[in-house]
Amino acid sequence: VTASRMLSSVGSTGIDALKLHSEPYNLIG
């Protein structure tokens, strides 16, 4: 369900944290 991830408050419509989960940042805490 790629749509729900994009719509998530964690994604680009919200705080844009999902970008940090991915390369090259690879940050998940």
Full PDB file with SEQRES, HELIX, SHEET, SSBOND, CRYST1, ORIGX, SCALE, CONECT and MASTER records, all heavy atoms in Angstrom:
SEQRES   1 A   29  VAL THR ALA SER ARG MET LEU SER SER VAL GLY SER THR          
SEQRES   2 A   29  GLY ILE ASP ALA LEU LYS LEU HIS SER GLU PRO TYR ASN          
SEQRES   3 A   29  LEU ILE GLY                                                  
HELIX    1 AA1 THR A    2  LEU A    7  1                                   6    
HELIX    2 AA2 LEU A   18  HIS A   21  1                                   4    
CRYST1    1.000    1.000    1.000  90.00  90.00  90.00 P 1           1          
ORIGX1      1.000000  0.000000  0.000000        0.00000                         
ORIGX2      0.000000  1.000000  0.000000        0.00000                         
ORIGX3      0.000000  0.000000  1.000000        0.00000                         
SCALE1      1.000000  0.000000  0.000000        0.00000                         
SCALE2      0.000000  1.000000  0.000000        0.00000                         
SCALE3      0.000000  0.000000  1.000000        0.00000                         
ATOM      1  N   VAL A   1       0.853  -1.186   0.000  1.00  0.00           N  
ATOM      2  CA  VAL A   1       0.000   0.000   0.000  1.00  0.00           C  
ATOM      3  C   VAL A   1       0.889   1.235   0.000  1.00  0.00           C  
ATOM      4  O   VAL A   1       1.140   1.856   1.017  1.00  0.00           O  
ATOM      5  CB  VAL A   1      -0.935   0.001   1.220  1.00  0.00           C  
ATOM      6  CG1 VAL A   1      -1.954   1.127   1.112  1.00  0.00           C  
ATOM      7  CG2 VAL A   1      -1.649  -1.328   1.337  1.00  0.00           C  
ATOM      8  N   THR A   2       1.400   1.583  -1.184  1.00  0.00           N  
ATOM      9  CA  THR A   2       2.284   2.740  -1.267  1.00  0.00           C  
ATOM     10  C   THR A   2       1.537   4.025  -1.000  1.00  0.00           C  
ATOM     11  O   THR A   2       2.108   4.993  -0.497  1.00  0.00           O  
ATOM     12  CB  THR A   2       2.922   2.812  -2.664  1.00  0.00           C  
ATOM     13  OG1 THR A   2       1.877   2.867  -3.642  1.00  0.00           O  
ATOM     14  CG2 THR A   2       3.788   1.607  -2.928  1.00  0.00           C  
ATOM     15  N   ALA A   3       0.247   4.051  -1.309  1.00  0.00           N  
ATOM     16  CA  ALA A   3      -0.526   5.280  -1.117  1.00  0.00           C  
ATOM     17  C   ALA A   3      -0.564   5.692   0.336  1.00  0.00           C  
ATOM     18  O   ALA A   3      -0.369   6.851   0.670  1.00  0.00           O  
ATOM     19  CB  ALA A   3      -1.942   5.087  -1.645  1.00  0.00           C  
ATOM     20  N   SER A   4      -0.833   4.723   1.236  1.00  0.00           N  
ATOM     21  CA  SER A   4      -0.979   5.092   2.644  1.00  0.00           C  
ATOM     22  C   SER A   4       0.330   5.593   3.217  1.00  0.00           C  
ATOM     23  O   SER A   4       0.340   6.456   4.097  1.00  0.00           O  
ATOM     24  CB  SER A   4      -1.490   3.906   3.450  1.00  0.00           C  
ATOM     25  OG  SER A   4      -0.527   2.884   3.493  1.00  0.00           O  
ATOM     26  N   ARG A   5       1.461   5.062   2.755  1.00  0.00           N  
ATOM     27  CA  ARG A   5       2.748   5.566   3.230  1.00  0.00           C  
ATOM     28  C   ARG A   5       2.938   7.019   2.793  1.00  0.00           C  
ATOM     29  O   ARG A   5       3.430   7.852   3.547  1.00  0.00           O  
ATOM     30  CB  ARG A   5       3.895   4.701   2.693  1.00  0.00           C  
ATOM     31  CG  ARG A   5       3.988   3.352   3.353  1.00  0.00           C  
ATOM     32  CD  ARG A   5       5.086   2.520   2.716  1.00  0.00           C  
ATOM     33  NE  ARG A   5       6.391   3.115   2.910  1.00  0.00           N  
ATOM     34  CZ  ARG A   5       7.174   2.897   3.957  1.00  0.00           C  
ATOM     35  NH1 ARG A   5       6.756   2.124   4.937  1.00  0.00           N  
ATOM     36  NH2 ARG A   5       8.365   3.450   4.046  1.00  0.00           N  
ATOM     37  N   MET A   6       2.565   7.311   1.548  1.00  0.00           N  
ATOM     38  CA  MET A   6       2.726   8.678   1.060  1.00  0.00           C  
ATOM     39  C   MET A   6       1.808   9.640   1.808  1.00  0.00           C  
ATOM     40  O   MET A   6       2.161  10.786   2.057  1.00  0.00           O  
ATOM     41  CB  MET A   6       2.435   8.739  -0.437  1.00  0.00           C  
ATOM     42  CG  MET A   6       3.463   8.030  -1.296  1.00  0.00           C  
ATOM     43  SD  MET A   6       3.032   8.117  -3.043  1.00  0.00           S  
ATOM     44  CE  MET A   6       4.362   7.177  -3.763  1.00  0.00           C  
ATOM     45  N   LEU A   7       0.598   9.139   2.124  1.00  0.00           N  
ATOM     46  CA  LEU A   7      -0.371   9.982   2.813  1.00  0.00           C  
ATOM     47  C   LEU A   7      -0.080  10.078   4.299  1.00  0.00           C  
ATOM     48  O   LEU A   7      -0.659  10.912   4.988  1.00  0.00           O  
ATOM     49  CB  LEU A   7      -1.777   9.411   2.620  1.00  0.00           C  
ATOM     50  CG  LEU A   7      -2.299   9.368   1.189  1.00  0.00           C  
ATOM     51  CD1 LEU A   7      -3.654   8.693   1.155  1.00  0.00           C  
ATOM     52  CD2 LEU A   7      -2.372  10.746   0.598  1.00  0.00           C  
ATOM     53  N   SER A   8       0.793   9.242   4.798  1.00  0.00           N  
ATOM     54  CA  SER A   8       1.083   9.193   6.215  1.00  0.00           C  
ATOM     55  C   SER A   8       1.622  10.527   6.704  1.00  0.00           C  
ATOM     56  O   SER A   8       2.316  11.253   5.991  1.00  0.00           O  
ATOM     57  CB  SER A   8       2.110   8.088   6.489  1.00  0.00           C  
ATOM     58  OG  SER A   8       2.664   8.215   7.769  1.00  0.00           O  
ATOM     59  N   SER A   9       1.338  10.818   7.966  1.00  0.00           N  
ATOM     60  CA  SER A   9       1.908  12.015   8.585  1.00  0.00           C  
ATOM     61  C   SER A   9       3.422  11.930   8.678  1.00  0.00           C  
ATOM     62  O   SER A   9       4.100  12.939   8.872  1.00  0.00           O  
ATOM     63  CB  SER A   9       1.318  12.191   9.986  1.00  0.00           C  
ATOM     64  OG  SER A   9       1.605  11.053  10.791  1.00  0.00           O  
ATOM     65  N   VAL A  10       3.957  10.730   8.533  1.00  0.00           N  
ATOM     66  CA  VAL A  10       5.399  10.532   8.573  1.00  0.00           C  
ATOM     67  C   VAL A  10       6.031  10.805   7.215  1.00  0.00           C  
ATOM     68  O   VAL A  10       7.237  11.054   7.117  1.00  0.00           O  
ATOM     69  CB  VAL A  10       5.717   9.094   9.043  1.00  0.00           C  
ATOM     70  CG1 VAL A  10       7.204   8.836   9.106  1.00  0.00           C  
ATOM     71  CG2 VAL A  10       5.091   8.837  10.407  1.00  0.00           C  
ATOM     72  N   GLY A  11       5.206  10.807   6.153  1.00  0.00           N  
ATOM     73  CA  GLY A  11       5.701  10.987   4.801  1.00  0.00           C  
ATOM     74  C   GLY A  11       5.796  12.442   4.377  1.00  0.00           C  
ATOM     75  O   GLY A  11       5.772  13.358   5.195  1.00  0.00           O  
ATOM     76  N   SER A  12       5.856  12.646   3.061  1.00  0.00           N  
ATOM     77  CA  SER A  12       6.102  13.983   2.513  1.00  0.00           C  
ATOM     78  C   SER A  12       4.936  14.934   2.721  1.00  0.00           C  
ATOM     79  O   SER A  12       5.112  16.152   2.677  1.00  0.00           O  
ATOM     80  CB  SER A  12       6.427  13.882   1.024  1.00  0.00           C  
ATOM     81  OG  SER A  12       5.369  13.243   0.330  1.00  0.00           O  
ATOM     82  N   THR A  13       3.727  14.419   2.957  1.00  0.00           N  
ATOM     83  CA  THR A  13       2.602  15.308   3.251  1.00  0.00           C  
ATOM     84  C   THR A  13       2.599  15.757   4.702  1.00  0.00           C  
ATOM     85  O   THR A  13       1.836  16.640   5.087  1.00  0.00           O  
ATOM     86  CB  THR A  13       1.260  14.624   2.934  1.00  0.00           C  
ATOM     87  OG1 THR A  13       1.106  13.480   3.771  1.00  0.00           O  
ATOM     88  CG2 THR A  13       1.193  14.205   1.470  1.00  0.00           C  
ATOM     89  N   GLY A  14       3.457  15.110   5.515  1.00  0.00           N  
ATOM     90  CA  GLY A  14       3.545  15.432   6.935  1.00  0.00           C  
ATOM     91  C   GLY A  14       4.917  15.966   7.294  1.00  0.00           C  
ATOM     92  O   GLY A  14       5.330  17.025   6.841  1.00  0.00           O  
ATOM     93  N   ILE A  15       5.673  15.200   8.098  1.00  0.00           N  
ATOM     94  CA  ILE A  15       6.958  15.691   8.590  1.00  0.00           C  
ATOM     95  C   ILE A  15       8.135  15.266   7.728  1.00  0.00           C  
ATOM     96  O   ILE A  15       9.285  15.610   8.033  1.00  0.00           O  
ATOM     97  CB  ILE A  15       7.198  15.258  10.045  1.00  0.00           C  
ATOM     98  CG1 ILE A  15       7.386  13.739  10.159  1.00  0.00           C  
ATOM     99  CG2 ILE A  15       6.069  15.736  10.943  1.00  0.00           C  
ATOM    100  CD1 ILE A  15       7.862  13.280  11.522  1.00  0.00           C  
ATOM    101  N   ASP A  16       7.901  14.508   6.673  1.00  0.00           N  
ATOM    102  CA  ASP A  16       8.937  14.107   5.712  1.00  0.00           C  
ATOM    103  C   ASP A  16      10.061  13.303   6.362  1.00  0.00           C  
ATOM    104  O   ASP A  16      11.239  13.480   6.058  1.00  0.00           O  
ATOM    105  CB  ASP A  16       9.512  15.342   5.004  1.00  0.00           C  
ATOM    106  CG  ASP A  16      10.076  15.018   3.623  1.00  0.00           C  
ATOM    107  OD1 ASP A  16       9.773  13.923   3.104  1.00  0.00           O  
ATOM    108  OD2 ASP A  16      10.808  15.858   3.064  1.00  0.00           O  
ATOM    109  N   ALA A  17       9.674  12.366   7.257  1.00  0.00           N  
ATOM    110  CA  ALA A  17      10.665  11.518   7.918  1.00  0.00           C  
ATOM    111  C   ALA A  17      10.980  10.263   7.117  1.00  0.00           C  
ATOM    112  O   ALA A  17      12.062   9.685   7.270  1.00  0.00           O  
ATOM    113  CB  ALA A  17      10.181  11.125   9.311  1.00  0.00           C  
ATOM    114  N   LEU A  18      10.038   9.816   6.264  1.00  0.00           N  
ATOM    115  CA  LEU A  18      10.282   8.587   5.504  1.00  0.00           C  
ATOM    116  C   LEU A  18      11.523   8.710   4.615  1.00  0.00           C  
ATOM    117  O   LEU A  18      12.204   7.723   4.358  1.00  0.00           O  
ATOM    118  CB  LEU A  18       9.060   8.243   4.639  1.00  0.00           C  
ATOM    119  CG  LEU A  18       7.820   7.731   5.378  1.00  0.00           C  
ATOM    120  CD1 LEU A  18       6.703   7.438   4.383  1.00  0.00           C  
ATOM    121  CD2 LEU A  18       8.141   6.494   6.206  1.00  0.00           C  
ATOM    122  N   LYS A  19      11.801   9.910   4.170  1.00  0.00           N  
ATOM    123  CA  LYS A  19      12.996  10.137   3.359  1.00  0.00           C  
ATOM    124  C   LYS A  19      14.252   9.745   4.137  1.00  0.00           C  
ATOM    125  O   LYS A  19      15.218   9.213   3.566  1.00  0.00           O  
ATOM    126  CB  LYS A  19      13.062  11.610   2.959  1.00  0.00           C  
ATOM    127  CG  LYS A  19      14.180  11.958   1.985  1.00  0.00           C  
ATOM    128  CD  LYS A  19      14.217  13.457   1.704  1.00  0.00           C  
ATOM    129  CE  LYS A  19      12.931  13.935   1.041  1.00  0.00           C  
ATOM    130  NZ  LYS A  19      12.996  15.394   0.727  1.00  0.00           N  
ATOM    131  N   LEU A  20      14.241   9.982   5.432  1.00  0.00           N  
ATOM    132  CA  LEU A  20      15.406   9.657   6.250  1.00  0.00           C  
ATOM    133  C   LEU A  20      15.539   8.164   6.513  1.00  0.00           C  
ATOM    134  O   LEU A  20      16.627   7.681   6.848  1.00  0.00           O  
ATOM    135  CB  LEU A  20      15.328  10.407   7.582  1.00  0.00           C  
ATOM    136  CG  LEU A  20      15.421  11.928   7.488  1.00  0.00           C  
ATOM    137  CD1 LEU A  20      15.186  12.568   8.854  1.00  0.00           C  
ATOM    138  CD2 LEU A  20      16.758  12.371   6.922  1.00  0.00           C  
ATOM    139  N   HIS A  21      14.428   7.409   6.356  1.00  0.00           N  
ATOM    140  CA  HIS A  21      14.493   5.953   6.525  1.00  0.00           C  
ATOM    141  C   HIS A  21      15.276   5.294   5.393  1.00  0.00           C  
ATOM    142  O   HIS A  21      15.807   4.200   5.565  1.00  0.00           O  
ATOM    143  CB  HIS A  21      13.085   5.355   6.556  1.00  0.00           C  
ATOM    144  CG  HIS A  21      12.295   5.744   7.770  1.00  0.00           C  
ATOM    145  ND1 HIS A  21      11.044   5.226   8.039  1.00  0.00           N  
ATOM    146  CD2 HIS A  21      12.561   6.579   8.800  1.00  0.00           C  
ATOM    147  CE1 HIS A  21      10.580   5.748   9.157  1.00  0.00           C  
ATOM    148  NE2 HIS A  21      11.485   6.580   9.632  1.00  0.00           N  
ATOM    149  N   SER A  22      15.302   5.948   4.250  1.00  0.00           N  
ATOM    150  CA  SER A  22      15.860   5.349   3.036  1.00  0.00           C  
ATOM    151  C   SER A  22      17.318   5.774   2.833  1.00  0.00           C  
ATOM    152  O   SER A  22      17.827   6.670   3.506  1.00  0.00           O  
ATOM    153  CB  SER A  22      15.015   5.769   1.830  1.00  0.00           C  
ATOM    154  OG  SER A  22      13.652   5.468   2.022  1.00  0.00           O  
ATOM    155  N   GLU A  23      17.967   5.099   1.883  1.00  0.00           N  
ATOM    156  CA  GLU A  23      19.319   5.503   1.493  1.00  0.00           C  
ATOM    157  C   GLU A  23      19.277   6.901   0.873  1.00  0.00           C  
ATOM    158  O   GLU A  23      18.293   7.264   0.245  1.00  0.00           O  
ATOM    159  CB  GLU A  23      19.890   4.492   0.485  1.00  0.00           C  
ATOM    160  CG  GLU A  23      20.045   3.088   1.044  1.00  0.00           C  
ATOM    161  CD  GLU A  23      21.113   2.996   2.131  1.00  0.00           C  
ATOM    162  OE1 GLU A  23      21.939   3.935   2.224  1.00  0.00           O  
ATOM    163  OE2 GLU A  23      21.107   2.011   2.869  1.00  0.00           O  
ATOM    164  N   PRO A  24      20.303   7.696   1.031  1.00  0.00           N  
ATOM    165  CA  PRO A  24      21.587   7.378   1.685  1.00  0.00           C  
ATOM    166  C   PRO A  24      21.600   7.619   3.187  1.00  0.00           C  
ATOM    167  O   PRO A  24      22.630   7.435   3.835  1.00  0.00           O  
ATOM    168  CB  PRO A  24      22.543   8.358   0.998  1.00  0.00           C  
ATOM    169  CG  PRO A  24      21.700   9.575   0.766  1.00  0.00           C  
ATOM    170  CD  PRO A  24      20.325   9.047   0.416  1.00  0.00           C  
ATOM    171  N   TYR A  25      20.451   8.022   3.761  1.00  0.00           N  
ATOM    172  CA  TYR A  25      20.440   8.420   5.174  1.00  0.00           C  
ATOM    173  C   TYR A  25      20.357   7.208   6.096  1.00  0.00           C  
ATOM    174  O   TYR A  25      21.091   7.116   7.085  1.00  0.00           O  
ATOM    175  CB  TYR A  25      19.282   9.388   5.423  1.00  0.00           C  
ATOM    176  CG  TYR A  25      19.209  10.467   4.382  1.00  0.00           C  
ATOM    177  CD1 TYR A  25      18.237  10.441   3.373  1.00  0.00           C  
ATOM    178  CD2 TYR A  25      20.141  11.503   4.371  1.00  0.00           C  
ATOM    179  CE1 TYR A  25      18.184  11.417   2.401  1.00  0.00           C  
ATOM    180  CE2 TYR A  25      20.096  12.491   3.390  1.00  0.00           C  
ATOM    181  CZ  TYR A  25      19.115  12.441   2.404  1.00  0.00           C  
ATOM    182  OH  TYR A  25      19.073  13.397   1.442  1.00  0.00           O  
ATOM    183  N   ASN A  26      19.403   6.312   5.800  1.00  0.00           N  
ATOM    184  CA  ASN A  26      19.300   5.046   6.528  1.00  0.00           C  
ATOM    185  C   ASN A  26      19.161   5.276   8.036  1.00  0.00           C  
ATOM    186  O   ASN A  26      19.836   4.649   8.844  1.00  0.00           O  
ATOM    187  CB  ASN A  26      20.525   4.178   6.228  1.00  0.00           C  
ATOM    188  CG  ASN A  26      20.312   2.724   6.637  1.00  0.00           C  
ATOM    189  OD1 ASN A  26      19.176   2.255   6.702  1.00  0.00           O  
ATOM    190  ND2 ASN A  26      21.394   2.027   6.931  1.00  0.00           N  
ATOM    191  N   LEU A  27      18.254   6.184   8.415  1.00  0.00           N  
ATOM    192  CA  LEU A  27      18.048   6.516   9.818  1.00  0.00           C  
ATOM    193  C   LEU A  27      16.666   6.035  10.269  1.00  0.00           C  
ATOM    194  O   LEU A  27      15.646   6.471   9.735  1.00  0.00           O  
ATOM    195  CB  LEU A  27      18.154   8.029  10.031  1.00  0.00           C  
ATOM    196  CG  LEU A  27      19.503   8.673   9.718  1.00  0.00           C  
ATOM    197  CD1 LEU A  27      19.388  10.190   9.787  1.00  0.00           C  
ATOM    198  CD2 LEU A  27      20.587   8.165  10.669  1.00  0.00           C  
ATOM    199  N   ILE A  28      16.639   5.144  11.258  1.00  0.00           N  
ATOM    200  CA  ILE A  28      15.371   4.676  11.825  1.00  0.00           C  
ATOM    201  C   ILE A  28      15.386   4.714  13.361  1.00  0.00           C  
ATOM    202  O   ILE A  28      14.498   4.178  14.006  1.00  0.00           O  
ATOM    203  CB  ILE A  28      15.029   3.247  11.343  1.00  0.00           C  
ATOM    204  CG1 ILE A  28      16.123   2.260  11.728  1.00  0.00           C  
ATOM    205  CG2 ILE A  28      14.763   3.229   9.832  1.00  0.00           C  
ATOM    206  CD1 ILE A  28      15.749   0.804  11.485  1.00  0.00           C  
ATOM    207  N   GLY A  29      16.417   5.333  13.935  1.00  0.00           N  
ATOM    208  CA  GLY A  29      16.501   5.434  15.390  1.00  0.00           C  
ATOM    209  C   GLY A  29      17.164   4.258  16.072  1.00  0.00           C  
ATOM    210  O   GLY A  29      16.949   4.040  17.271  1.00  0.00           O  
TER     211      GLY A  29                                                      
MASTER        0    0    0    2    0    0    0    6  210    1    0    3          
END                                                                             
